[in-house]
Amino acid sequence: MLFSTSNRNHVEPPNRTSRAQCWTARDGYFGCLERNHRQQSEQQTSGNKYYFVPGEEPKQVCSTEREAYHSLCMKSWVEHFNKRIVNEQRSVATQVGLSKSRHPP
């Protein structure tokens, strides 16, 4: 049958509780990455990005938070959240760069 559905590929959408757990895990992971990025930025002044990219951190950094994030959130959500946080940070970095160029020290 051409238009039949298969139960093997059917995934139940997350309920309110599982969505809240995902968001909490996401916030914990991104918070850990931000703290780590800030510490790295303070130690190194040259060649450091203005933002962090989820998944590019060393394996030992935020490993517990990363595991919770990936286990509690659907893969498509993880991809969406990762892209969104990078885009938000790039936007802020661009705005900071523009304001510095308009108002030199």
PDB file of N, CA and C in Angstrom:
ATOM      1  N   MET A   1       0.837  -1.181   0.000  1.00  0.00           N
ATOM      2  CA  MET A   1       0.000   0.000   0.000  1.00  0.00           C
ATOM      3  C   MET A   1       0.879   1.241   0.000  1.00  0.00           C
ATOM      4  N   LEU A   2       0.508   2.162  -0.781  1.00  0.00           N
ATOM      5  CA  LEU A   2       1.324   3.349  -0.956  1.00  0.00           C
ATOM      6  C   LEU A   2       1.192   4.348   0.185  1.00  0.00           C
ATOM      7  N   PHE A   3      -0.004   4.527   0.699  1.00  0.00           N
ATOM      8  CA  PHE A   3      -0.228   5.549   1.725  1.00  0.00           C
ATOM      9  C   PHE A   3      -0.503   4.967   3.108  1.00  0.00           C
ATOM     10  N   SER A   4      -0.093   3.771   3.351  1.00  0.00           N
ATOM     11  CA  SER A   4      -0.349   3.181   4.662  1.00  0.00           C
ATOM     12  C   SER A   4       0.627   3.747   5.681  1.00  0.00           C
ATOM     13  N   THR A   5       0.228   3.712   6.924  1.00  0.00           N
ATOM     14  CA  THR A   5       1.101   4.182   7.992  1.00  0.00           C
ATOM     15  C   THR A   5       1.653   2.995   8.741  1.00  0.00           C
ATOM     16  N   SER A   6       2.790   3.176   9.291  1.00  0.00           N
ATOM     17  CA  SER A   6       3.442   2.120  10.038  1.00  0.00           C
ATOM     18  C   SER A   6       3.650   2.584  11.470  1.00  0.00           C
ATOM     19  N   ASN A   7       3.317   1.724  12.407  1.00  0.00           N
ATOM     20  CA  ASN A   7       3.488   2.068  13.817  1.00  0.00           C
ATOM     21  C   ASN A   7       4.953   2.052  14.233  1.00  0.00           C
ATOM     22  N   ARG A   8       5.823   1.423  13.439  1.00  0.00           N
ATOM     23  CA  ARG A   8       7.240   1.359  13.808  1.00  0.00           C
ATOM     24  C   ARG A   8       7.880   2.743  13.823  1.00  0.00           C
ATOM     25  N   ASN A   9       7.442   3.613  12.942  1.00  0.00           N
ATOM     26  CA  ASN A   9       8.047   4.935  12.837  1.00  0.00           C
ATOM     27  C   ASN A   9       7.303   5.994  13.636  1.00  0.00           C
ATOM     28  N   HIS A  10       6.219   5.624  14.271  1.00  0.00           N
ATOM     29  CA  HIS A  10       5.407   6.592  15.001  1.00  0.00           C
ATOM     30  C   HIS A  10       6.048   6.897  16.352  1.00  0.00           C
ATOM     31  N   VAL A  11       6.274   8.170  16.595  1.00  0.00           N
ATOM     32  CA  VAL A  11       6.835   8.617  17.867  1.00  0.00           C
ATOM     33  C   VAL A  11       5.811   9.536  18.510  1.00  0.00           C
ATOM     34  N   GLU A  12       5.508   9.257  19.752  1.00  0.00           N
ATOM     35  CA  GLU A  12       4.558  10.100  20.474  1.00  0.00           C
ATOM     36  C   GLU A  12       5.169  11.475  20.705  1.00  0.00           C
ATOM     37  N   PRO A  13       4.393  12.519  20.502  1.00  0.00           N
ATOM     38  CA  PRO A  13       4.917  13.860  20.793  1.00  0.00           C
ATOM     39  C   PRO A  13       5.141  14.009  22.297  1.00  0.00           C
ATOM     40  N   PRO A  14       6.110  14.812  22.681  1.00  0.00           N
ATOM     41  CA  PRO A  14       6.386  14.977  24.112  1.00  0.00           C
ATOM     42  C   PRO A  14       5.236  15.677  24.827  1.00  0.00           C
ATOM     43  N   ASN A  15       4.968  15.216  26.034  1.00  0.00           N
ATOM     44  CA  ASN A  15       3.923  15.864  26.834  1.00  0.00           C
ATOM     45  C   ASN A  15       4.535  17.041  27.601  1.00  0.00           C
ATOM     46  N   ARG A  16       3.715  17.717  28.358  1.00  0.00           N
ATOM     47  CA  ARG A  16       4.154  18.921  29.075  1.00  0.00           C
ATOM     48  C   ARG A  16       5.328  18.636  30.006  1.00  0.00           C
ATOM     49  N   THR A  17       5.264  17.524  30.713  1.00  0.00           N
ATOM     50  CA  THR A  17       6.324  17.183  31.660  1.00  0.00           C
ATOM     51  C   THR A  17       7.644  16.920  30.945  1.00  0.00           C
ATOM     52  N   SER A  18       7.598  16.146  29.863  1.00  0.00           N
ATOM     53  CA  SER A  18       8.845  15.844  29.156  1.00  0.00           C
ATOM     54  C   SER A  18       9.409  17.078  28.457  1.00  0.00           C
ATOM     55  N   ARG A  19       8.545  17.974  28.004  1.00  0.00           N
ATOM     56  CA  ARG A  19       9.032  19.230  27.418  1.00  0.00           C
ATOM     57  C   ARG A  19       9.744  20.062  28.479  1.00  0.00           C
ATOM     58  N   ALA A  20       9.148  20.143  29.664  1.00  0.00           N
ATOM     59  CA  ALA A  20       9.759  20.909  30.759  1.00  0.00           C
ATOM     60  C   ALA A  20      11.104  20.305  31.155  1.00  0.00           C
ATOM     61  N   GLN A  21      11.190  18.973  31.183  1.00  0.00           N
ATOM     62  CA  GLN A  21      12.457  18.319  31.508  1.00  0.00           C
ATOM     63  C   GLN A  21      13.513  18.630  30.452  1.00  0.00           C
ATOM     64  N   CYS A  22      13.097  18.625  29.196  1.00  0.00           N
ATOM     65  CA  CYS A  22      14.015  18.955  28.102  1.00  0.00           C
ATOM     66  C   CYS A  22      14.524  20.381  28.253  1.00  0.00           C
ATOM     67  N   TRP A  23      13.629  21.311  28.484  1.00  0.00           N
ATOM     68  CA  TRP A  23      14.019  22.723  28.600  1.00  0.00           C
ATOM     69  C   TRP A  23      14.962  22.939  29.781  1.00  0.00           C
ATOM     70  N   THR A  24      14.700  22.243  30.888  1.00  0.00           N
ATOM     71  CA  THR A  24      15.574  22.352  32.056  1.00  0.00           C
ATOM     72  C   THR A  24      16.962  21.807  31.732  1.00  0.00           C
ATOM     73  N   ALA A  25      17.006  20.659  31.047  1.00  0.00           N
ATOM     74  CA  ALA A  25      18.291  20.071  30.658  1.00  0.00           C
ATOM     75  C   ALA A  25      19.026  20.983  29.677  1.00  0.00           C
ATOM     76  N   ARG A  26      18.294  21.564  28.731  1.00  0.00           N
ATOM     77  CA  ARG A  26      18.889  22.495  27.761  1.00  0.00           C
ATOM     78  C   ARG A  26      19.498  23.694  28.477  1.00  0.00           C
ATOM     79  N   ASP A  27      18.727  24.284  29.390  1.00  0.00           N
ATOM     80  CA  ASP A  27      19.209  25.460  30.112  1.00  0.00           C
ATOM     81  C   ASP A  27      20.436  25.131  30.958  1.00  0.00           C
ATOM     82  N   GLY A  28      20.439  23.945  31.571  1.00  0.00           N
ATOM     83  CA  GLY A  28      21.597  23.524  32.355  1.00  0.00           C
ATOM     84  C   GLY A  28      22.838  23.343  31.498  1.00  0.00           C
ATOM     85  N   TYR A  29      22.662  22.724  30.338  1.00  0.00           N
ATOM     86  CA  TYR A  29      23.784  22.501  29.417  1.00  0.00           C
ATOM     87  C   TYR A  29      24.317  23.818  28.873  1.00  0.00           C
ATOM     88  N   PHE A  30      23.427  24.670  28.383  1.00  0.00           N
ATOM     89  CA  PHE A  30      23.868  25.951  27.831  1.00  0.00           C
ATOM     90  C   PHE A  30      24.484  26.840  28.911  1.00  0.00           C
ATOM     91  N   GLY A  31      23.956  26.777  30.132  1.00  0.00           N
ATOM     92  CA  GLY A  31      24.536  27.538  31.239  1.00  0.00           C
ATOM     93  C   GLY A  31      25.945  27.067  31.552  1.00  0.00           C
ATOM     94  N   CYS A  32      26.140  25.761  31.555  1.00  0.00           N
ATOM     95  CA  CYS A  32      27.470  25.199  31.795  1.00  0.00           C
ATOM     96  C   CYS A  32      28.431  25.619  30.687  1.00  0.00           C
ATOM     97  N   LEU A  33      27.982  25.548  29.436  1.00  0.00           N
ATOM     98  CA  LEU A  33      28.832  25.959  28.317  1.00  0.00           C
ATOM     99  C   LEU A  33      29.193  27.436  28.417  1.00  0.00           C
ATOM    100  N   GLU A  34      28.228  28.252  28.806  1.00  0.00           N
ATOM    101  CA  GLU A  34      28.484  29.691  28.924  1.00  0.00           C
ATOM    102  C   GLU A  34      29.512  29.975  30.016  1.00  0.00           C
ATOM    103  N   ARG A  35      29.362  29.313  31.175  1.00  0.00           N
ATOM    104  CA  ARG A  35      30.333  29.500  32.267  1.00  0.00           C
ATOM    105  C   ARG A  35      31.733  29.068  31.823  1.00  0.00           C
ATOM    106  N   ASN A  36      31.810  27.919  31.159  1.00  0.00           N
ATOM    107  CA  ASN A  36      33.099  27.423  30.685  1.00  0.00           C
ATOM    108  C   ASN A  36      33.696  28.375  29.656  1.00  0.00           C
ATOM    109  N   HIS A  37      32.869  28.870  28.755  1.00  0.00           N
ATOM    110  CA  HIS A  37      33.344  29.802  27.723  1.00  0.00           C
ATOM    111  C   HIS A  37      33.857  31.093  28.359  1.00  0.00           C
ATOM    112  N   ARG A  38      33.151  31.570  29.360  1.00  0.00           N
ATOM    113  CA  ARG A  38      33.565  32.794  30.047  1.00  0.00           C
ATOM    114  C   ARG A  38      34.917  32.588  30.732  1.00  0.00           C
ATOM    115  N   GLN A  39      35.095  31.423  31.378  1.00  0.00           N
ATOM    116  CA  GLN A  39      36.378  31.128  32.029  1.00  0.00           C
ATOM    117  C   GLN A  39      37.506  31.061  31.008  1.00  0.00           C
ATOM    118  N   GLN A  40      37.250  30.409  29.873  1.00  0.00           N
ATOM    119  CA  GLN A  40      38.256  30.310  28.816  1.00  0.00           C
ATOM    120  C   GLN A  40      38.593  31.691  28.257  1.00  0.00           C
ATOM    121  N   SER A  41      37.580  32.535  28.108  1.00  0.00           N
ATOM    122  CA  SER A  41      37.791  33.886  27.573  1.00  0.00           C
ATOM    123  C   SER A  41      38.654  34.722  28.506  1.00  0.00           C
ATOM    124  N   GLU A  42      38.474  34.540  29.818  1.00  0.00           N
ATOM    125  CA  GLU A  42      39.266  35.294  30.785  1.00  0.00           C
ATOM    126  C   GLU A  42      40.724  34.849  30.769  1.00  0.00           C
ATOM    127  N   GLN A  43      40.961  33.564  30.492  1.00  0.00           N
ATOM    128  CA  GLN A  43      42.323  33.041  30.482  1.00  0.00           C
ATOM    129  C   GLN A  43      43.061  33.370  29.190  1.00  0.00           C
ATOM    130  N   GLN A  44      42.322  33.424  28.069  1.00  0.00           N
ATOM    131  CA  GLN A  44      42.936  33.704  26.767  1.00  0.00           C
ATOM    132  C   GLN A  44      42.259  34.925  26.167  1.00  0.00           C
ATOM    133  N   THR A  45      43.054  35.857  25.720  1.00  0.00           N
ATOM    134  CA  THR A  45      42.454  37.052  25.128  1.00  0.00           C
ATOM    135  C   THR A  45      42.514  37.040  23.610  1.00  0.00           C
ATOM    136  N   SER A  46      43.406  36.273  23.021  1.00  0.00           N
ATOM    137  CA  SER A  46      43.533  36.312  21.560  1.00  0.00           C
ATOM    138  C   SER A  46      42.945  35.060  20.920  1.00  0.00           C
ATOM    139  N   GLY A  47      42.295  35.254  19.784  1.00  0.00           N
ATOM    140  CA  GLY A  47      41.799  34.143  18.987  1.00  0.00           C
ATOM    141  C   GLY A  47      40.582  33.436  19.535  1.00  0.00           C
ATOM    142  N   ASN A  48      39.940  33.994  20.525  1.00  0.00           N
ATOM    143  CA  ASN A  48      38.776  33.340  21.117  1.00  0.00           C
ATOM    144  C   ASN A  48      37.496  33.858  20.479  1.00  0.00           C
ATOM    145  N   LYS A  49      36.574  32.952  20.203  1.00  0.00           N
ATOM    146  CA  LYS A  49      35.285  33.357  19.642  1.00  0.00           C
ATOM    147  C   LYS A  49      34.502  34.156  20.672  1.00  0.00           C
ATOM    148  N   TYR A  50      33.588  34.975  20.190  1.00  0.00           N
ATOM    149  CA  TYR A  50      32.720  35.728  21.089  1.00  0.00           C
ATOM    150  C   TYR A  50      31.565  34.878  21.588  1.00  0.00           C
ATOM    151  N   TYR A  51      31.439  33.673  21.085  1.00  0.00           N
ATOM    152  CA  TYR A  51      30.314  32.826  21.448  1.00  0.00           C
ATOM    153  C   TYR A  51      30.761  31.369  21.497  1.00  0.00           C
ATOM    154  N   PHE A  52      29.970  30.527  22.166  1.00  0.00           N
ATOM    155  CA  PHE A  52      30.251  29.099  22.220  1.00  0.00           C
ATOM    156  C   PHE A  52      29.339  28.377  21.233  1.00  0.00           C
ATOM    157  N   VAL A  53      29.791  27.221  20.771  1.00  0.00           N
ATOM    158  CA  VAL A  53      29.005  26.404  19.853  1.00  0.00           C
ATOM    159  C   VAL A  53      28.792  25.048  20.517  1.00  0.00           C
ATOM    160  N   PRO A  54      27.526  24.695  20.830  1.00  0.00           N
ATOM    161  CA  PRO A  54      27.261  23.398  21.447  1.00  0.00           C
ATOM    162  C   PRO A  54      27.807  22.263  20.581  1.00  0.00           C
ATOM    163  N   GLY A  55      28.504  21.337  21.225  1.00  0.00           N
ATOM    164  CA  GLY A  55      29.069  20.197  20.524  1.00  0.00           C
ATOM    165  C   GLY A  55      30.537  20.373  20.172  1.00  0.00           C
ATOM    166  N   GLU A  56      31.049  21.592  20.240  1.00  0.00           N
ATOM    167  CA  GLU A  56      32.459  21.841  19.932  1.00  0.00           C
ATOM    168  C   GLU A  56      33.336  21.837  21.181  1.00  0.00           C
ATOM    169  N   GLU A  57      32.734  21.693  22.343  1.00  0.00           N
ATOM    170  CA  GLU A  57      33.508  21.696  23.579  1.00  0.00           C
ATOM    171  C   GLU A  57      34.212  20.348  23.744  1.00  0.00           C
ATOM    172  N   PRO A  58      35.331  20.309  24.494  1.00  0.00           N
ATOM    173  CA  PRO A  58      35.982  19.030  24.783  1.00  0.00           C
ATOM    174  C   PRO A  58      35.021  18.095  25.522  1.00  0.00           C
ATOM    175  N   LYS A  59      35.212  16.788  25.346  1.00  0.00           N
ATOM    176  CA  LYS A  59      34.269  15.806  25.907  1.00  0.00           C
ATOM    177  C   LYS A  59      34.111  15.914  27.417  1.00  0.00           C
ATOM    178  N   GLN A  60      35.173  16.297  28.117  1.00  0.00           N
ATOM    179  CA  GLN A  60      35.093  16.355  29.576  1.00  0.00           C
ATOM    180  C   GLN A  60      34.342  17.583  30.078  1.00  0.00           C
ATOM    181  N   VAL A  61      34.130  18.573  29.220  1.00  0.00           N
ATOM    182  CA  VAL A  61      33.442  19.803  29.617  1.00  0.00           C
ATOM    183  C   VAL A  61      31.933  19.584  29.542  1.00  0.00           C
ATOM    184  N   CYS A  62      31.248  19.796  30.636  1.00  0.00           N
ATOM    185  CA  CYS A  62      29.779  19.721  30.709  1.00  0.00           C
ATOM    186  C   CYS A  62      29.233  18.363  30.273  1.00  0.00           C
ATOM    187  N   SER A  63      29.964  17.299  30.522  1.00  0.00           N
ATOM    188  CA  SER A  63      29.544  15.982  30.034  1.00  0.00           C
ATOM    189  C   SER A  63      28.235  15.517  30.667  1.00  0.00           C
ATOM    190  N   THR A  64      28.047  15.751  31.954  1.00  0.00           N
ATOM    191  CA  THR A  64      26.804  15.346  32.618  1.00  0.00           C
ATOM    192  C   THR A  64      25.622  16.111  32.054  1.00  0.00           C
ATOM    193  N   GLU A  65      25.792  17.411  31.896  1.00  0.00           N
ATOM    194  CA  GLU A  65      24.719  18.252  31.361  1.00  0.00           C
ATOM    195  C   GLU A  65      24.405  17.893  29.910  1.00  0.00           C
ATOM    196  N   ARG A  66      25.454  17.590  29.126  1.00  0.00           N
ATOM    197  CA  ARG A  66      25.266  17.222  27.724  1.00  0.00           C
ATOM    198  C   ARG A  66      24.490  15.911  27.612  1.00  0.00           C
ATOM    199  N   GLU A  67      24.830  14.937  28.459  1.00  0.00           N
ATOM    200  CA  GLU A  67      24.123  13.654  28.438  1.00  0.00           C
ATOM    201  C   GLU A  67      22.647  13.845  28.766  1.00  0.00           C
ATOM    202  N   ALA A  68      22.352  14.648  29.775  1.00  0.00           N
ATOM    203  CA  ALA A  68      20.950  14.900  30.140  1.00  0.00           C
ATOM    204  C   ALA A  68      20.218  15.587  28.997  1.00  0.00           C
ATOM    205  N   TYR A  69      20.842  16.569  28.392  1.00  0.00           N
ATOM    206  CA  TYR A  69      20.251  17.320  27.278  1.00  0.00           C
ATOM    207  C   TYR A  69      19.912  16.389  26.117  1.00  0.00           C
ATOM    208  N   HIS A  70      20.870  15.546  25.739  1.00  0.00           N
ATOM    209  CA  HIS A  70      20.646  14.655  24.600  1.00  0.00           C
ATOM    210  C   HIS A  70      19.682  13.518  24.922  1.00  0.00           C
ATOM    211  N   SER A  71      19.603  13.114  26.176  1.00  0.00           N
ATOM    212  CA  SER A  71      18.693  12.016  26.511  1.00  0.00           C
ATOM    213  C   SER A  71      17.264  12.496  26.755  1.00  0.00           C
ATOM    214  N   LEU A  72      17.090  13.731  27.216  1.00  0.00           N
ATOM    215  CA  LEU A  72      15.750  14.227  27.533  1.00  0.00           C
ATOM    216  C   LEU A  72      15.097  15.006  26.396  1.00  0.00           C
ATOM    217  N   CYS A  73      15.863  15.388  25.386  1.00  0.00           N
ATOM    218  CA  CYS A  73      15.316  16.165  24.265  1.00  0.00           C
ATOM    219  C   CYS A  73      15.379  15.346  22.978  1.00  0.00           C
ATOM    220  N   MET A  74      14.354  15.504  22.154  1.00  0.00           N
ATOM    221  CA  MET A  74      14.354  14.845  20.854  1.00  0.00           C
ATOM    222  C   MET A  74      15.491  15.408  20.006  1.00  0.00           C
ATOM    223  N   LYS A  75      16.015  14.583  19.115  1.00  0.00           N
ATOM    224  CA  LYS A  75      17.145  14.993  18.280  1.00  0.00           C
ATOM    225  C   LYS A  75      16.827  16.267  17.492  1.00  0.00           C
ATOM    226  N   SER A  76      15.634  16.360  16.943  1.00  0.00           N
ATOM    227  CA  SER A  76      15.273  17.554  16.164  1.00  0.00           C
ATOM    228  C   SER A  76      15.258  18.798  17.047  1.00  0.00           C
ATOM    229  N   TRP A  77      14.865  18.636  18.309  1.00  0.00           N
ATOM    230  CA  TRP A  77      14.865  19.767  19.237  1.00  0.00           C
ATOM    231  C   TRP A  77      16.296  20.193  19.556  1.00  0.00           C
ATOM    232  N   VAL A  78      17.162  19.210  19.776  1.00  0.00           N
ATOM    233  CA  VAL A  78      18.565  19.502  20.078  1.00  0.00           C
ATOM    234  C   VAL A  78      19.175  20.302  18.930  1.00  0.00           C
ATOM    235  N   GLU A  79      18.929  19.854  17.707  1.00  0.00           N
ATOM    236  CA  GLU A  79      19.460  20.570  16.538  1.00  0.00           C
ATOM    237  C   GLU A  79      18.905  21.994  16.476  1.00  0.00           C
ATOM    238  N   HIS A  80      17.608  22.137  16.717  1.00  0.00           N
ATOM    239  CA  HIS A  80      16.976  23.463  16.685  1.00  0.00           C
ATOM    240  C   HIS A  80      17.550  24.382  17.764  1.00  0.00           C
ATOM    241  N   PHE A  81      17.613  23.881  19.005  1.00  0.00           N
ATOM    242  CA  PHE A  81      18.126  24.696  20.112  1.00  0.00           C
ATOM    243  C   PHE A  81      19.584  25.094  19.871  1.00  0.00           C
ATOM    244  N   ASN A  82      20.394  24.159  19.359  1.00  0.00           N
ATOM    245  CA  ASN A  82      21.801  24.459  19.098  1.00  0.00           C
ATOM    246  C   ASN A  82      21.947  25.564  18.053  1.00  0.00           C
ATOM    247  N   LYS A  83      21.186  25.459  16.975  1.00  0.00           N
ATOM    248  CA  LYS A  83      21.245  26.496  15.935  1.00  0.00           C
ATOM    249  C   LYS A  83      20.771  27.837  16.485  1.00  0.00           C
ATOM    250  N   ARG A  84      19.709  27.791  17.278  1.00  0.00           N
ATOM    251  CA  ARG A  84      19.146  29.032  17.807  1.00  0.00           C
ATOM    252  C   ARG A  84      20.121  29.753  18.732  1.00  0.00           C
ATOM    253  N   ILE A  85      20.790  29.009  19.621  1.00  0.00           N
ATOM    254  CA  ILE A  85      21.703  29.661  20.562  1.00  0.00           C
ATOM    255  C   ILE A  85      22.909  30.251  19.829  1.00  0.00           C
ATOM    256  N   VAL A  86      23.394  29.560  18.808  1.00  0.00           N
ATOM    257  CA  VAL A  86      24.521  30.091  18.034  1.00  0.00           C
ATOM    258  C   VAL A  86      24.094  31.355  17.296  1.00  0.00           C
ATOM    259  N   ASN A  87      22.924  31.330  16.668  1.00  0.00           N
ATOM    260  CA  ASN A  87      22.438  32.517  15.949  1.00  0.00           C
ATOM    261  C   ASN A  87      22.225  33.699  16.886  1.00  0.00           C
ATOM    262  N   GLU A  88      21.679  33.446  18.074  1.00  0.00           N
ATOM    263  CA  GLU A  88      21.474  34.523  19.048  1.00  0.00           C
ATOM    264  C   GLU A  88      22.808  35.131  19.469  1.00  0.00           C
ATOM    265  N   GLN A  89      23.788  34.273  19.733  1.00  0.00           N
ATOM    266  CA  GLN A  89      25.096  34.769  20.168  1.00  0.00           C
ATOM    267  C   GLN A  89      25.812  35.522  19.054  1.00  0.00           C
ATOM    268  N   ARG A  90      25.690  35.033  17.827  1.00  0.00           N
ATOM    269  CA  ARG A  90      26.302  35.743  16.692  1.00  0.00           C
ATOM    270  C   ARG A  90      25.684  37.125  16.534  1.00  0.00           C
ATOM    271  N   SER A  91      24.382  37.201  16.715  1.00  0.00           N
ATOM    272  CA  SER A  91      23.689  38.484  16.605  1.00  0.00           C
ATOM    273  C   SER A  91      24.205  39.465  17.655  1.00  0.00           C
ATOM    274  N   VAL A  92      24.337  39.000  18.884  1.00  0.00           N
ATOM    275  CA  VAL A  92      24.848  39.856  19.962  1.00  0.00           C
ATOM    276  C   VAL A  92      26.288  40.270  19.668  1.00  0.00           C
ATOM    277  N   ALA A  93      27.113  39.325  19.203  1.00  0.00           N
ATOM    278  CA  ALA A  93      28.511  39.645  18.889  1.00  0.00           C
ATOM    279  C   ALA A  93      28.588  40.681  17.777  1.00  0.00           C
ATOM    280  N   THR A  94      27.710  40.571  16.796  1.00  0.00           N
ATOM    281  CA  THR A  94      27.676  41.552  15.706  1.00  0.00           C
ATOM    282  C   THR A  94      27.278  42.919  16.227  1.00  0.00           C
ATOM    283  N   GLN A  95      26.266  42.960  17.088  1.00  0.00           N
ATOM    284  CA  GLN A  95      25.820  44.232  17.656  1.00  0.00           C
ATOM    285  C   GLN A  95      26.921  44.873  18.494  1.00  0.00           C
ATOM    286  N   VAL A  96      27.632  44.071  19.265  1.00  0.00           N
ATOM    287  CA  VAL A  96      28.734  44.592  20.079  1.00  0.00           C
ATOM    288  C   VAL A  96      29.828  45.142  19.170  1.00  0.00           C
ATOM    289  N   GLY A  97      30.154  44.403  18.120  1.00  0.00           N
ATOM    290  CA  GLY A  97      31.166  44.866  17.174  1.00  0.00           C
ATOM    291  C   GLY A  97      30.770  46.158  16.491  1.00  0.00           C
ATOM    292  N   LEU A  98      29.499  46.272  16.127  1.00  0.00           N
ATOM    293  CA  LEU A  98      29.022  47.499  15.491  1.00  0.00           C
ATOM    294  C   LEU A  98      29.068  48.681  16.449  1.00  0.00           C
ATOM    295  N   SER A  99      28.671  48.458  17.691  1.00  0.00           N
ATOM    296  CA  SER A  99      28.678  49.568  18.646  1.00  0.00           C
ATOM    297  C   SER A  99      30.109  50.006  18.965  1.00  0.00           C
ATOM    298  N   LYS A 100      31.053  49.069  18.973  1.00  0.00           N
ATOM    299  CA  LYS A 100      32.457  49.431  19.211  1.00  0.00           C
ATOM    300  C   LYS A 100      33.009  50.240  18.046  1.00  0.00           C
ATOM    301  N   SER A 101      32.586  49.898  16.829  1.00  0.00           N
ATOM    302  CA  SER A 101      33.103  50.629  15.668  1.00  0.00           C
ATOM    303  C   SER A 101      32.502  52.034  15.578  1.00  0.00           C
ATOM    304  N   ARG A 102      31.310  52.206  16.107  1.00  0.00           N
ATOM    305  CA  ARG A 102      30.671  53.532  16.108  1.00  0.00           C
ATOM    306  C   ARG A 102      31.225  54.435  17.201  1.00  0.00           C
ATOM    307  N   HIS A 103      31.629  53.818  18.303  1.00  0.00           N
ATOM    308  CA  HIS A 103      32.110  54.579  19.462  1.00  0.00           C
ATOM    309  C   HIS A 103      33.507  54.095  19.839  1.00  0.00           C
ATOM    310  N   PRO A 104      34.532  54.472  19.069  1.00  0.00           N
ATOM    311  CA  PRO A 104      35.891  54.027  19.405  1.00  0.00           C
ATOM    312  C   PRO A 104      36.340  54.612  20.742  1.00  0.00           C
ATOM    313  N   PRO A 105      37.243  53.903  21.426  1.00  0.00           N
ATOM    314  CA  PRO A 105      37.697  54.368  22.754  1.00  0.00           C
ATOM    315  C   PRO A 105      38.445  55.664  22.717  1.00  0.00           C
TER     316      PRO A 105
END
